[in-house]
């Protein structure tokens, strides 16, 4: 997957989606960049862990939420929404990059 999945490109695409949405513009840009990078890393690690097995959104959501809470505890009340949006934006990135196979 490493050769197909570009974490920097994914993070840039997701950041652009967050910027277009505008719901998290109250965060410092570096905070949003840092949390997106952490979430991409957690997601990537999970994708490598499962290999060809189905992607379990509940499992990865818990991991992403824990990573977001560790990175930005001051925004705890917003992080469930941030993780939801991240997952939507990552899915769109994967679809656009041709990296998703639907069963």
C-alpha atoms as a PDB file:
ATOM      1  CA  UNK A   1       0.000   0.000   0.000  1.00  0.00           C
ATOM      2  CA  UNK A   2       2.906   2.386   0.718  1.00  0.00           C
ATOM      3  CA  UNK A   3       3.645   2.820  -2.975  1.00  0.00           C
ATOM      4  CA  UNK A   4      -0.004   3.624  -3.699  1.00  0.00           C
ATOM      5  CA  UNK A   5      -0.992   5.590  -0.602  1.00  0.00           C
ATOM      6  CA  UNK A   6       0.748   8.933  -0.281  1.00  0.00           C
ATOM      7  CA  UNK A   7       0.229  10.147   3.294  1.00  0.00           C
ATOM      8  CA  UNK A   8       1.335  13.698   2.479  1.00  0.00           C
ATOM      9  CA  UNK A   9      -1.090  13.891  -0.450  1.00  0.00           C
ATOM     10  CA  UNK A  10      -3.882  12.465   1.701  1.00  0.00           C
ATOM     11  CA  UNK A  11      -3.188  14.997   4.467  1.00  0.00           C
ATOM     12  CA  UNK A  12      -3.111  17.868   1.957  1.00  0.00           C
ATOM     13  CA  UNK A  13      -6.395  16.773   0.397  1.00  0.00           C
ATOM     14  CA  UNK A  14      -8.046  16.365   3.789  1.00  0.00           C
ATOM     15  CA  UNK A  15      -6.743  19.765   4.938  1.00  0.00           C
ATOM     16  CA  UNK A  16      -8.190  21.353   1.804  1.00  0.00           C
ATOM     17  CA  UNK A  17     -11.544  19.718   2.572  1.00  0.00           C
ATOM     18  CA  UNK A  18     -11.459  21.056   6.135  1.00  0.00           C
ATOM     19  CA  UNK A  19     -10.570  24.516   4.822  1.00  0.00           C
ATOM     20  CA  UNK A  20     -13.424  24.395   2.304  1.00  0.00           C
ATOM     21  CA  UNK A  21     -15.844  23.295   5.004  1.00  0.00           C
ATOM     22  CA  UNK A  22     -14.682  26.041   7.356  1.00  0.00           C
ATOM     23  CA  UNK A  23     -16.121  24.473  10.516  1.00  0.00           C
ATOM     24  CA  UNK A  24     -12.741  24.262  12.246  1.00  0.00           C
ATOM     25  CA  UNK A  25     -11.373  27.662  11.272  1.00  0.00           C
ATOM     26  CA  UNK A  26     -11.232  28.572  14.977  1.00  0.00           C
ATOM     27  CA  UNK A  27      -8.256  26.207  15.373  1.00  0.00           C
ATOM     28  CA  UNK A  28      -4.725  27.410  14.809  1.00  0.00           C
ATOM     29  CA  UNK A  29      -3.561  26.211  11.373  1.00  0.00           C
ATOM     30  CA  UNK A  30      -0.673  24.261  12.881  1.00  0.00           C
ATOM     31  CA  UNK A  31      -3.046  22.486  15.301  1.00  0.00           C
ATOM     32  CA  UNK A  32      -5.255  21.344  12.455  1.00  0.00           C
ATOM     33  CA  UNK A  33      -2.235  20.290  10.370  1.00  0.00           C
ATOM     34  CA  UNK A  34      -0.803  18.310  13.291  1.00  0.00           C
ATOM     35  CA  UNK A  35      -4.024  16.490  14.100  1.00  0.00           C
ATOM     36  CA  UNK A  36      -4.666  15.663  10.438  1.00  0.00           C
ATOM     37  CA  UNK A  37      -1.146  14.209  10.143  1.00  0.00           C
ATOM     38  CA  UNK A  38      -1.710  12.123  13.282  1.00  0.00           C
ATOM     39  CA  UNK A  39      -5.070  10.862  12.027  1.00  0.00           C
ATOM     40  CA  UNK A  40      -3.626   9.935   8.640  1.00  0.00           C
ATOM     41  CA  UNK A  41      -0.837   8.008  10.408  1.00  0.00           C
ATOM     42  CA  UNK A  42      -3.332   6.143  12.616  1.00  0.00           C
ATOM     43  CA  UNK A  43      -5.541   5.358   9.619  1.00  0.00           C
ATOM     44  CA  UNK A  44      -2.570   4.219   7.540  1.00  0.00           C
ATOM     45  CA  UNK A  45      -1.328   1.963  10.345  1.00  0.00           C
ATOM     46  CA  UNK A  46      -4.793   0.421  10.634  1.00  0.00           C
ATOM     47  CA  UNK A  47      -5.005  -0.168   6.866  1.00  0.00           C
ATOM     48  CA  UNK A  48      -1.643  -1.932   6.971  1.00  0.00           C
ATOM     49  CA  UNK A  49      -2.703  -3.946  10.012  1.00  0.00           C
ATOM     50  CA  UNK A  50      -5.832  -5.303   8.349  1.00  0.00           C
ATOM     51  CA  UNK A  51      -4.279  -5.938   4.935  1.00  0.00           C
ATOM     52  CA  UNK A  52      -6.993  -7.307   2.663  1.00  0.00           C
ATOM     53  CA  UNK A  53      -9.546  -7.689   5.458  1.00  0.00           C
ATOM     54  CA  UNK A  54     -12.601  -5.408   5.524  1.00  0.00           C
ATOM     55  CA  UNK A  55     -12.115  -1.917   6.966  1.00  0.00           C
ATOM     56  CA  UNK A  56     -14.014  -1.730  10.274  1.00  0.00           C
ATOM     57  CA  UNK A  57     -15.137   1.882  10.699  1.00  0.00           C
ATOM     58  CA  UNK A  58     -16.014   1.374  14.360  1.00  0.00           C
ATOM     59  CA  UNK A  59     -12.541   0.109  15.238  1.00  0.00           C
ATOM     60  CA  UNK A  60     -10.705   2.832  13.349  1.00  0.00           C
ATOM     61  CA  UNK A  61     -13.065   5.520  14.671  1.00  0.00           C
ATOM     62  CA  UNK A  62     -12.116   4.631  18.249  1.00  0.00           C
ATOM     63  CA  UNK A  63      -8.428   4.803  17.384  1.00  0.00           C
ATOM     64  CA  UNK A  64      -8.819   8.102  15.536  1.00  0.00           C
ATOM     65  CA  UNK A  65     -10.831   9.671  18.335  1.00  0.00           C
ATOM     66  CA  UNK A  66      -8.234   8.607  20.908  1.00  0.00           C
ATOM     67  CA  UNK A  67      -5.444  10.111  18.775  1.00  0.00           C
ATOM     68  CA  UNK A  68      -7.384  13.359  18.303  1.00  0.00           C
ATOM     69  CA  UNK A  69      -8.090  13.625  22.031  1.00  0.00           C
ATOM     70  CA  UNK A  70      -4.430  13.060  22.838  1.00  0.00           C
ATOM     71  CA  UNK A  71      -3.345  15.695  20.307  1.00  0.00           C
ATOM     72  CA  UNK A  72      -5.967  18.361  21.055  1.00  0.00           C
ATOM     73  CA  UNK A  73      -7.528  17.811  24.488  1.00  0.00           C
ATOM     74  CA  UNK A  74      -8.516  21.494  24.637  1.00  0.00           C
ATOM     75  CA  UNK A  75     -11.031  20.861  21.823  1.00  0.00           C
ATOM     76  CA  UNK A  76     -12.572  17.712  23.299  1.00  0.00           C
ATOM     77  CA  UNK A  77     -16.163  18.805  22.635  1.00  0.00           C
ATOM     78  CA  UNK A  78     -15.406  19.250  18.901  1.00  0.00           C
ATOM     79  CA  UNK A  79     -13.338  16.170  18.230  1.00  0.00           C
ATOM     80  CA  UNK A  80     -16.112  13.673  17.523  1.00  0.00           C
ATOM     81  CA  UNK A  81     -17.226  15.902  14.651  1.00  0.00           C
ATOM     82  CA  UNK A  82     -13.640  16.420  13.520  1.00  0.00           C
ATOM     83  CA  UNK A  83     -13.073  12.662  13.354  1.00  0.00           C
ATOM     84  CA  UNK A  84     -16.363  12.139  11.507  1.00  0.00           C
ATOM     85  CA  UNK A  85     -15.395  14.777   8.967  1.00  0.00           C
ATOM     86  CA  UNK A  86     -11.893  13.341   8.683  1.00  0.00           C
ATOM     87  CA  UNK A  87     -13.312   9.901   7.887  1.00  0.00           C
ATOM     88  CA  UNK A  88     -15.570  11.351   5.185  1.00  0.00           C
ATOM     89  CA  UNK A  89     -12.700  13.345   3.699  1.00  0.00           C
ATOM     90  CA  UNK A  90     -10.332  10.352   3.783  1.00  0.00           C
ATOM     91  CA  UNK A  91     -12.924   8.189   2.068  1.00  0.00           C
ATOM     92  CA  UNK A  92     -13.292  10.803  -0.660  1.00  0.00           C
ATOM     93  CA  UNK A  93      -9.513  11.006  -1.060  1.00  0.00           C
ATOM     94  CA  UNK A  94      -9.264   7.220  -1.386  1.00  0.00           C
ATOM     95  CA  UNK A  95     -12.086   7.148  -3.951  1.00  0.00           C
ATOM     96  CA  UNK A  96     -10.551  10.002  -5.945  1.00  0.00           C
ATOM     97  CA  UNK A  97      -7.133   8.286  -5.874  1.00  0.00           C
ATOM     98  CA  UNK A  98      -8.663   4.985  -7.018  1.00  0.00           C
ATOM     99  CA  UNK A  99      -7.552   3.187  -3.859  1.00  0.00           C
ATOM    100  CA  UNK A 100     -10.935   1.904  -2.690  1.00  0.00           C
ATOM    101  CA  UNK A 101     -12.598  -1.314  -3.699  1.00  0.00           C
ATOM    102  CA  UNK A 102     -16.266  -1.574  -2.756  1.00  0.00           C
ATOM    103  CA  UNK A 103     -17.651  -4.987  -1.876  1.00  0.00           C
END
